[in-house]
Amino acid sequence: MNALAPHQPVVFITGASSGIGQALALRYYRAGYRLALVARRTGVVADWATAEQLEPQRWAVYAADVADAASMAAAAQQCIAQQGLPAVVIASAGISIGVDTALADDLPVFQQVVTTNLFGTAATFQPFIEPMRQRGQGALVGVASVAAIRGLAGHGAYCASKSGVVAYCESLRLECRAAGVKVVTIVPGYIDTPLTRGNAYSMPFLMTAEAFAERAFRAIAQGDSYRVIPWQMGVVAKLMRLLPNGVFDRLFSGRARKKRAAD
């Protein structure tokens, strides 16, 4: 396939400087897509693309912060002007920081996590929703987490934000269905990324970012509305949801917590 061919589809990915976002970018590149990569650390993304020997004509990086809707709108407009309207938009930027809302100092951290993970997903999608509707096709992909299934001690901000992503994507899916725009919710379990390597608790079914990206790519291509990856974590999540509150509380109240920002 000619790297300069204008018919090559574009994928727009936030959080492209590391982890899941970076792995997805490489998987889409290998599938023949042109990359529109969004990150605050643009130099890191450019260095990665150069190290991977990606063809310069097939990628561009845009500086933006998903917590800043104006910067995301500007990045989206730049992408559309330079590379065209994406076929796929993936909101994968996210942060995970432990919080204790009994402490006033943790409230700004709570706000930061929810703003980045939940509001950032909406800010990523917003500039593309109407253009995709008018075109009659496209895919908007929200990256949630199995942490959305039930609240965990010390993870209140992260669990709340990812539960919000699931609910928001479901609402958006209903709003976009008639126009032919697909909304896909990807729900990762434990993926080996910088986000999880500092966790002080067991992470069952831990998988590499590359293996996750392969399965996510297939789910998005198939237009799945909701997919837990790996599937084993989907089973665990369903069982956790079915546990009576008393049993759940006894099992998980003493579990190790995510480190707070102050730690």
C-alpha atoms as a PDB file:
ATOM      1  CA  MET A   1       0.000   0.000   0.000  1.00  0.00           C
ATOM      2  CA  ASN A   2       1.326   3.436  -0.896  1.00  0.00           C
ATOM      3  CA  ALA A   3       2.176   5.351   2.268  1.00  0.00           C
ATOM      4  CA  LEU A   4       1.112   8.601   0.610  1.00  0.00           C
ATOM      5  CA  ALA A   5      -2.278   7.348  -0.581  1.00  0.00           C
ATOM      6  CA  PRO A   6      -5.000   9.732   0.631  1.00  0.00           C
ATOM      7  CA  HIS A   7      -7.466   6.876   0.974  1.00  0.00           C
ATOM      8  CA  GLN A   8      -5.542   5.411   3.893  1.00  0.00           C
ATOM      9  CA  PRO A   9      -7.758   5.824   6.949  1.00  0.00           C
ATOM     10  CA  VAL A  10      -6.729   7.948   9.914  1.00  0.00           C
ATOM     11  CA  VAL A  11      -6.871   6.949  13.582  1.00  0.00           C
ATOM     12  CA  PHE A  12      -6.820   9.723  16.195  1.00  0.00           C
ATOM     13  CA  ILE A  13      -5.417   8.533  19.540  1.00  0.00           C
ATOM     14  CA  THR A  14      -4.995  10.366  22.831  1.00  0.00           C
ATOM     15  CA  GLY A  15      -2.516   9.229  25.459  1.00  0.00           C
ATOM     16  CA  ALA A  16      -0.108   8.255  22.698  1.00  0.00           C
ATOM     17  CA  SER A  17       3.061   8.901  24.685  1.00  0.00           C
ATOM     18  CA  SER A  18       3.011   5.556  26.518  1.00  0.00           C
ATOM     19  CA  GLY A  19       1.139   2.420  27.499  1.00  0.00           C
ATOM     20  CA  ILE A  20      -2.130   1.440  25.870  1.00  0.00           C
ATOM     21  CA  GLY A  21      -2.267   4.469  23.573  1.00  0.00           C
ATOM     22  CA  GLN A  22       1.193   3.818  22.187  1.00  0.00           C
ATOM     23  CA  ALA A  23       0.509   0.104  21.688  1.00  0.00           C
ATOM     24  CA  LEU A  24      -2.725   0.875  19.849  1.00  0.00           C
ATOM     25  CA  ALA A  25      -0.923   3.388  17.645  1.00  0.00           C
ATOM     26  CA  LEU A  26       1.599   0.779  16.540  1.00  0.00           C
ATOM     27  CA  ARG A  27      -1.119  -1.805  15.870  1.00  0.00           C
ATOM     28  CA  TYR A  28      -3.098   0.622  13.718  1.00  0.00           C
ATOM     29  CA  TYR A  29       0.048   1.686  11.865  1.00  0.00           C
ATOM     30  CA  ARG A  30       0.780  -1.940  11.003  1.00  0.00           C
ATOM     31  CA  ALA A  31      -2.786  -2.248   9.708  1.00  0.00           C
ATOM     32  CA  GLY A  32      -2.117   0.564   7.225  1.00  0.00           C
ATOM     33  CA  TYR A  33      -3.627   3.521   9.050  1.00  0.00           C
ATOM     34  CA  ARG A  34      -2.199   7.012   9.229  1.00  0.00           C
ATOM     35  CA  LEU A  35      -1.698   8.137  12.802  1.00  0.00           C
ATOM     36  CA  ALA A  36      -2.908  11.326  14.465  1.00  0.00           C
ATOM     37  CA  LEU A  37      -1.266  11.136  17.875  1.00  0.00           C
ATOM     38  CA  VAL A  38      -2.232  13.443  20.716  1.00  0.00           C
ATOM     39  CA  ALA A  39      -0.142  14.014  23.818  1.00  0.00           C
ATOM     40  CA  ARG A  40       1.133  16.695  26.130  1.00  0.00           C
ATOM     41  CA  ARG A  41       4.658  15.321  25.677  1.00  0.00           C
ATOM     42  CA  THR A  42       4.921  15.602  21.912  1.00  0.00           C
ATOM     43  CA  GLY A  43       8.681  15.118  21.944  1.00  0.00           C
ATOM     44  CA  VAL A  44       8.294  11.715  23.569  1.00  0.00           C
ATOM     45  CA  VAL A  45       5.838  10.652  20.867  1.00  0.00           C
ATOM     46  CA  ALA A  46       8.069  11.947  18.060  1.00  0.00           C
ATOM     47  CA  ASP A  47      11.096  10.141  19.512  1.00  0.00           C
ATOM     48  CA  TRP A  48       9.084   6.921  19.763  1.00  0.00           C
ATOM     49  CA  ALA A  49       7.823   7.179  16.170  1.00  0.00           C
ATOM     50  CA  THR A  50      11.357   7.787  14.945  1.00  0.00           C
ATOM     51  CA  ALA A  51      12.731   4.867  16.968  1.00  0.00           C
ATOM     52  CA  GLU A  52      10.031   2.599  15.516  1.00  0.00           C
ATOM     53  CA  GLN A  53      11.014   3.828  12.025  1.00  0.00           C
ATOM     54  CA  LEU A  54       7.479   4.902  11.179  1.00  0.00           C
ATOM     55  CA  GLU A  55       7.210   6.547   7.786  1.00  0.00           C
ATOM     56  CA  PRO A  56       7.075  10.333   8.363  1.00  0.00           C
ATOM     57  CA  GLN A  57       4.221  10.712   5.873  1.00  0.00           C
ATOM     58  CA  ARG A  58       2.018   8.428   7.938  1.00  0.00           C
ATOM     59  CA  TRP A  59       2.037  10.079  11.340  1.00  0.00           C
ATOM     60  CA  ALA A  60       1.580  13.464  12.940  1.00  0.00           C
ATOM     61  CA  VAL A  61       1.617  14.514  16.564  1.00  0.00           C
ATOM     62  CA  TYR A  62      -0.575  17.215  18.084  1.00  0.00           C
ATOM     63  CA  ALA A  63       0.026  18.934  21.411  1.00  0.00           C
ATOM     64  CA  ALA A  64      -3.073  18.961  23.588  1.00  0.00           C
ATOM     65  CA  ASP A  65      -4.330  18.180  27.060  1.00  0.00           C
ATOM     66  CA  VAL A  66      -7.536  16.141  27.231  1.00  0.00           C
ATOM     67  CA  ALA A  67      -8.548  18.102  30.332  1.00  0.00           C
ATOM     68  CA  ASP A  68      -8.575  21.275  28.206  1.00  0.00           C
ATOM     69  CA  ALA A  69     -11.464  21.174  25.739  1.00  0.00           C
ATOM     70  CA  ALA A  70     -10.151  24.147  23.755  1.00  0.00           C
ATOM     71  CA  SER A  71      -6.790  22.478  23.147  1.00  0.00           C
ATOM     72  CA  MET A  72      -8.525  19.251  22.111  1.00  0.00           C
ATOM     73  CA  ALA A  73     -10.763  21.128  19.693  1.00  0.00           C
ATOM     74  CA  ALA A  74      -7.715  22.825  18.193  1.00  0.00           C
ATOM     75  CA  ALA A  75      -5.907  19.486  17.817  1.00  0.00           C
ATOM     76  CA  ALA A  76      -8.978  17.966  16.168  1.00  0.00           C
ATOM     77  CA  GLN A  77      -9.249  20.818  13.674  1.00  0.00           C
ATOM     78  CA  GLN A  78      -5.553  20.553  12.860  1.00  0.00           C
ATOM     79  CA  CYS A  79      -5.956  16.836  12.278  1.00  0.00           C
ATOM     80  CA  ILE A  80      -8.959  17.263   9.997  1.00  0.00           C
ATOM     81  CA  ALA A  81      -7.184  19.994   8.013  1.00  0.00           C
ATOM     82  CA  GLN A  82      -3.899  18.113   7.643  1.00  0.00           C
ATOM     83  CA  GLN A  83      -4.918  14.455   7.554  1.00  0.00           C
ATOM     84  CA  GLY A  84      -8.667  14.399   7.037  1.00  0.00           C
ATOM     85  CA  LEU A  85     -11.555  13.278   9.235  1.00  0.00           C
ATOM     86  CA  PRO A  86     -10.473  10.163  11.150  1.00  0.00           C
ATOM     87  CA  ALA A  87     -12.133   6.809  10.666  1.00  0.00           C
ATOM     88  CA  VAL A  88     -11.462   5.947  14.312  1.00  0.00           C
ATOM     89  CA  VAL A  89     -11.056   8.171  17.385  1.00  0.00           C
ATOM     90  CA  ILE A  90      -9.678   6.498  20.508  1.00  0.00           C
ATOM     91  CA  ALA A  91      -9.820   8.236  23.887  1.00  0.00           C
ATOM     92  CA  SER A  92      -7.138   6.305  25.753  1.00  0.00           C
ATOM     93  CA  ALA A  93      -5.514   9.052  27.834  1.00  0.00           C
ATOM     94  CA  GLY A  94      -5.941   8.384  31.512  1.00  0.00           C
ATOM     95  CA  ILE A  95      -4.398   8.620  34.958  1.00  0.00           C
ATOM     96  CA  SER A  96      -4.745   6.538  38.107  1.00  0.00           C
ATOM     97  CA  ILE A  97      -3.933   8.039  41.515  1.00  0.00           C
ATOM     98  CA  GLY A  98      -5.091   6.794  44.889  1.00  0.00           C
ATOM     99  CA  VAL A  99      -7.274   9.134  46.944  1.00  0.00           C
ATOM    100  CA  ASP A 100      -8.672   9.390  50.443  1.00  0.00           C
ATOM    101  CA  THR A 101     -11.550  11.850  50.397  1.00  0.00           C
ATOM    102  CA  ALA A 102     -11.415  12.121  54.184  1.00  0.00           C
ATOM    103  CA  LEU A 103      -8.411  14.343  53.461  1.00  0.00           C
ATOM    104  CA  ALA A 104      -9.047  17.801  51.996  1.00  0.00           C
ATOM    105  CA  ASP A 105      -5.725  17.675  50.156  1.00  0.00           C
ATOM    106  CA  ASP A 106      -6.979  14.756  48.067  1.00  0.00           C
ATOM    107  CA  LEU A 107     -10.038  16.532  46.672  1.00  0.00           C
ATOM    108  CA  PRO A 108      -8.037  18.317  43.930  1.00  0.00           C
ATOM    109  CA  VAL A 109      -6.518  14.937  43.024  1.00  0.00           C
ATOM    110  CA  PHE A 110     -10.003  13.431  42.817  1.00  0.00           C
ATOM    111  CA  GLN A 111     -11.022  16.270  40.513  1.00  0.00           C
ATOM    112  CA  GLN A 112      -7.908  15.808  38.363  1.00  0.00           C
ATOM    113  CA  VAL A 113      -8.530  12.084  37.864  1.00  0.00           C
ATOM    114  CA  VAL A 114     -12.210  12.512  36.997  1.00  0.00           C
ATOM    115  CA  THR A 115     -11.501  15.462  34.698  1.00  0.00           C
ATOM    116  CA  THR A 116      -8.759  13.635  32.820  1.00  0.00           C
ATOM    117  CA  ASN A 117     -10.467  10.272  32.499  1.00  0.00           C
ATOM    118  CA  LEU A 118     -14.136  11.188  32.089  1.00  0.00           C
ATOM    119  CA  PHE A 119     -14.316  14.772  30.881  1.00  0.00           C
ATOM    120  CA  GLY A 120     -11.251  14.075  28.736  1.00  0.00           C
ATOM    121  CA  THR A 121     -13.126  11.337  26.899  1.00  0.00           C
ATOM    122  CA  ALA A 122     -15.989  13.691  26.064  1.00  0.00           C
ATOM    123  CA  ALA A 123     -13.561  16.461  25.084  1.00  0.00           C
ATOM    124  CA  THR A 124     -11.776  14.017  22.763  1.00  0.00           C
ATOM    125  CA  PHE A 125     -14.972  12.914  21.022  1.00  0.00           C
ATOM    126  CA  GLN A 126     -16.828  16.236  20.823  1.00  0.00           C
ATOM    127  CA  PRO A 127     -15.084  17.767  17.770  1.00  0.00           C
ATOM    128  CA  PHE A 128     -15.648  14.591  15.740  1.00  0.00           C
ATOM    129  CA  ILE A 129     -19.213  13.604  16.612  1.00  0.00           C
ATOM    130  CA  GLU A 130     -21.084  15.872  14.226  1.00  0.00           C
ATOM    131  CA  PRO A 131     -18.622  15.509  11.307  1.00  0.00           C
ATOM    132  CA  MET A 132     -18.841  11.725  11.633  1.00  0.00           C
ATOM    133  CA  ARG A 133     -22.633  11.892  11.776  1.00  0.00           C
ATOM    134  CA  GLN A 134     -22.694  13.968   8.616  1.00  0.00           C
ATOM    135  CA  ARG A 135     -20.377  11.480   6.907  1.00  0.00           C
ATOM    136  CA  GLY A 136     -22.510   8.596   8.146  1.00  0.00           C
ATOM    137  CA  GLN A 137     -19.683   6.462   9.505  1.00  0.00           C
ATOM    138  CA  GLY A 138     -16.835   6.323  11.982  1.00  0.00           C
ATOM    139  CA  ALA A 139     -15.951   4.815  15.331  1.00  0.00           C
ATOM    140  CA  LEU A 140     -15.580   6.562  18.689  1.00  0.00           C
ATOM    141  CA  VAL A 141     -13.725   4.367  21.158  1.00  0.00           C
ATOM    142  CA  GLY A 142     -13.703   4.975  24.905  1.00  0.00           C
ATOM    143  CA  VAL A 143     -11.137   3.148  27.014  1.00  0.00           C
ATOM    144  CA  ALA A 144     -12.636   2.382  30.428  1.00  0.00           C
ATOM    145  CA  SER A 145     -11.427  -0.212  32.964  1.00  0.00           C
ATOM    146  CA  VAL A 146     -12.691  -3.191  34.929  1.00  0.00           C
ATOM    147  CA  ALA A 147     -12.362  -0.789  37.864  1.00  0.00           C
ATOM    148  CA  ALA A 148     -15.658   0.609  36.553  1.00  0.00           C
ATOM    149  CA  ILE A 149     -17.515  -2.500  37.717  1.00  0.00           C
ATOM    150  CA  ARG A 150     -17.278  -1.983  41.477  1.00  0.00           C
ATOM    151  CA  GLY A 151     -15.737   0.615  43.756  1.00  0.00           C
ATOM    152  CA  LEU A 152     -12.476  -0.291  45.452  1.00  0.00           C
ATOM    153  CA  ALA A 153     -10.994   1.240  48.601  1.00  0.00           C
ATOM    154  CA  GLY A 154      -8.520   3.992  47.789  1.00  0.00           C
ATOM    155  CA  HIS A 155      -9.557   3.950  44.133  1.00  0.00           C
ATOM    156  CA  GLY A 156     -12.660   6.120  44.445  1.00  0.00           C
ATOM    157  CA  ALA A 157     -11.626   8.681  41.837  1.00  0.00           C
ATOM    158  CA  TYR A 158     -10.438   6.134  39.283  1.00  0.00           C
ATOM    159  CA  CYS A 159     -13.422   3.801  39.727  1.00  0.00           C
ATOM    160  CA  ALA A 160     -15.861   6.701  39.519  1.00  0.00           C
ATOM    161  CA  SER A 161     -14.203   8.130  36.428  1.00  0.00           C
ATOM    162  CA  LYS A 162     -14.150   4.817  34.572  1.00  0.00           C
ATOM    163  CA  SER A 163     -17.736   4.012  35.545  1.00  0.00           C
ATOM    164  CA  GLY A 164     -18.560   7.383  34.059  1.00  0.00           C
ATOM    165  CA  VAL A 165     -16.765   6.506  30.831  1.00  0.00           C
ATOM    166  CA  VAL A 166     -18.858   3.338  30.501  1.00  0.00           C
ATOM    167  CA  ALA A 167     -22.131   5.207  31.089  1.00  0.00           C
ATOM    168  CA  TYR A 168     -21.157   8.120  28.849  1.00  0.00           C
ATOM    169  CA  CYS A 169     -20.193   5.833  25.963  1.00  0.00           C
ATOM    170  CA  GLU A 170     -23.455   3.945  26.312  1.00  0.00           C
ATOM    171  CA  SER A 171     -25.414   7.188  26.141  1.00  0.00           C
ATOM    172  CA  LEU A 172     -23.406   8.369  23.151  1.00  0.00           C
ATOM    173  CA  ARG A 173     -23.904   5.033  21.404  1.00  0.00           C
ATOM    174  CA  LEU A 174     -27.665   5.547  21.508  1.00  0.00           C
ATOM    175  CA  GLU A 175     -27.288   9.111  20.242  1.00  0.00           C
ATOM    176  CA  CYS A 176     -25.088   8.078  17.290  1.00  0.00           C
ATOM    177  CA  ARG A 177     -26.728   4.817  16.258  1.00  0.00           C
ATOM    178  CA  ALA A 178     -29.117   6.267  13.703  1.00  0.00           C
ATOM    179  CA  ALA A 179     -26.299   8.153  11.977  1.00  0.00           C
ATOM    180  CA  GLY A 180     -24.160   5.043  11.436  1.00  0.00           C
ATOM    181  CA  VAL A 181     -21.428   6.093  13.884  1.00  0.00           C
ATOM    182  CA  LYS A 182     -20.277   3.280  16.155  1.00  0.00           C
ATOM    183  CA  VAL A 183     -19.380   3.886  19.795  1.00  0.00           C
ATOM    184  CA  VAL A 184     -17.166   1.180  21.275  1.00  0.00           C
ATOM    185  CA  THR A 185     -16.371   0.748  24.964  1.00  0.00           C
ATOM    186  CA  ILE A 186     -13.125  -1.122  25.614  1.00  0.00           C
ATOM    187  CA  VAL A 187     -12.706  -2.316  29.192  1.00  0.00           C
ATOM    188  CA  PRO A 188      -9.124  -3.359  29.975  1.00  0.00           C
ATOM    189  CA  GLY A 189      -8.216  -5.599  32.862  1.00  0.00           C
ATOM    190  CA  TYR A 190      -4.669  -5.407  34.159  1.00  0.00           C
ATOM    191  CA  ILE A 191      -2.309  -4.327  31.385  1.00  0.00           C
ATOM    192  CA  ASP A 192       1.459  -4.065  31.858  1.00  0.00           C
ATOM    193  CA  THR A 193       1.980  -0.311  31.450  1.00  0.00           C
ATOM    194  CA  PRO A 194       3.605   2.478  33.489  1.00  0.00           C
ATOM    195  CA  LEU A 195       0.138   3.040  34.999  1.00  0.00           C
ATOM    196  CA  THR A 196       0.076  -0.393  36.652  1.00  0.00           C
ATOM    197  CA  ARG A 197       3.720  -1.169  37.396  1.00  0.00           C
ATOM    198  CA  GLY A 198       3.615   0.622  40.726  1.00  0.00           C
ATOM    199  CA  ASN A 199       0.602  -1.323  42.002  1.00  0.00           C
ATOM    200  CA  ALA A 200       1.246  -3.025  45.341  1.00  0.00           C
ATOM    201  CA  TYR A 201      -1.401  -5.720  44.897  1.00  0.00           C
ATOM    202  CA  SER A 202      -1.929  -8.802  42.771  1.00  0.00           C
ATOM    203  CA  MET A 203      -3.043  -8.267  39.178  1.00  0.00           C
ATOM    204  CA  PRO A 204      -4.668 -11.433  37.814  1.00  0.00           C
ATOM    205  CA  PHE A 205      -4.510 -12.147  34.091  1.00  0.00           C
ATOM    206  CA  LEU A 206      -1.917  -9.399  33.560  1.00  0.00           C
ATOM    207  CA  MET A 207      -1.225  -9.030  29.839  1.00  0.00           C
ATOM    208  CA  THR A 208       1.178  -7.038  27.717  1.00  0.00           C
ATOM    209  CA  ALA A 209       0.114  -3.806  26.086  1.00  0.00           C
ATOM    210  CA  GLU A 210       0.834  -5.359  22.681  1.00  0.00           C
ATOM    211  CA  ALA A 211      -1.470  -8.340  23.319  1.00  0.00           C
ATOM    212  CA  PHE A 212      -4.156  -5.970  24.567  1.00  0.00           C
ATOM    213  CA  ALA A 213      -3.807  -3.757  21.482  1.00  0.00           C
ATOM    214  CA  GLU A 214      -4.287  -6.743  19.179  1.00  0.00           C
ATOM    215  CA  ARG A 215      -7.525  -7.778  20.857  1.00  0.00           C
ATOM    216  CA  ALA A 216      -8.782  -4.214  21.102  1.00  0.00           C
ATOM    217  CA  PHE A 217      -8.052  -3.629  17.409  1.00  0.00           C
ATOM    218  CA  ARG A 218     -10.158  -6.651  16.487  1.00  0.00           C
ATOM    219  CA  ALA A 219     -13.025  -5.626  18.769  1.00  0.00           C
ATOM    220  CA  ILE A 220     -13.095  -2.117  17.299  1.00  0.00           C
ATOM    221  CA  ALA A 221     -12.931  -3.440  13.727  1.00  0.00           C
ATOM    222  CA  GLN A 222     -15.885  -5.721  14.478  1.00  0.00           C
ATOM    223  CA  GLY A 223     -17.844  -2.791  15.900  1.00  0.00           C
ATOM    224  CA  ASP A 224     -18.332  -4.403  19.300  1.00  0.00           C
ATOM    225  CA  SER A 225     -20.310  -2.129  21.576  1.00  0.00           C
ATOM    226  CA  TYR A 226     -18.581  -3.352  24.748  1.00  0.00           C
ATOM    227  CA  ARG A 227     -15.581  -5.610  25.220  1.00  0.00           C
ATOM    228  CA  VAL A 228     -13.630  -6.619  28.322  1.00  0.00           C
ATOM    229  CA  ILE A 229      -9.995  -7.559  27.608  1.00  0.00           C
ATOM    230  CA  PRO A 230      -8.865 -10.149  28.541  1.00  0.00           C
ATOM    231  CA  TRP A 231     -12.110 -12.115  28.581  1.00  0.00           C
ATOM    232  CA  GLN A 232     -11.160 -13.797  31.865  1.00  0.00           C
ATOM    233  CA  MET A 233     -11.413 -10.434  33.604  1.00  0.00           C
ATOM    234  CA  GLY A 234     -14.880 -10.073  32.131  1.00  0.00           C
ATOM    235  CA  VAL A 235     -15.906 -13.233  33.983  1.00  0.00           C
ATOM    236  CA  VAL A 236     -14.301 -11.990  37.206  1.00  0.00           C
ATOM    237  CA  ALA A 237     -16.018  -8.623  36.820  1.00  0.00           C
ATOM    238  CA  LYS A 238     -19.439 -10.233  36.387  1.00  0.00           C
ATOM    239  CA  LEU A 239     -18.893 -12.383  39.465  1.00  0.00           C
ATOM    240  CA  MET A 240     -17.830  -9.321  41.472  1.00  0.00           C
ATOM    241  CA  ARG A 241     -20.971  -7.499  40.361  1.00  0.00           C
ATOM    242  CA  LEU A 242     -23.116 -10.411  41.553  1.00  0.00           C
ATOM    243  CA  LEU A 243     -21.535 -10.596  45.016  1.00  0.00           C
ATOM    244  CA  PRO A 244     -23.844  -9.383  47.785  1.00  0.00           C
ATOM    245  CA  ASN A 245     -22.530  -6.179  49.344  1.00  0.00           C
ATOM    246  CA  GLY A 246     -21.753  -7.858  52.656  1.00  0.00           C
ATOM    247  CA  VAL A 247     -19.600 -10.517  51.005  1.00  0.00           C
ATOM    248  CA  PHE A 248     -17.920  -7.998  48.705  1.00  0.00           C
ATOM    249  CA  ASP A 249     -17.113  -5.703  51.639  1.00  0.00           C
ATOM    250  CA  ARG A 250     -15.503  -8.507  53.657  1.00  0.00           C
ATOM    251  CA  LEU A 251     -13.403  -9.662  50.718  1.00  0.00           C
ATOM    252  CA  PHE A 252     -12.126  -6.290  49.525  1.00  0.00           C
ATOM    253  CA  SER A 253     -12.090  -3.864  52.435  1.00  0.00           C
ATOM    254  CA  GLY A 254      -8.575  -4.910  53.464  1.00  0.00           C
ATOM    255  CA  ARG A 255      -7.089  -4.950  49.975  1.00  0.00           C
ATOM    256  CA  ALA A 256      -3.936  -2.935  49.332  1.00  0.00           C
ATOM    257  CA  ARG A 257      -4.666   0.559  48.044  1.00  0.00           C
ATOM    258  CA  LYS A 258      -3.362   2.604  45.161  1.00  0.00           C
ATOM    259  CA  LYS A 259      -0.671   5.052  46.244  1.00  0.00           C
ATOM    260  CA  ARG A 260      -1.863   8.588  46.911  1.00  0.00           C
ATOM    261  CA  ALA A 261      -0.171  11.521  45.212  1.00  0.00           C
ATOM    262  CA  ALA A 262       1.276  12.526  48.590  1.00  0.00           C
ATOM    263  CA  ASP A 263       2.873   9.089  48.955  1.00  0.00           C
END
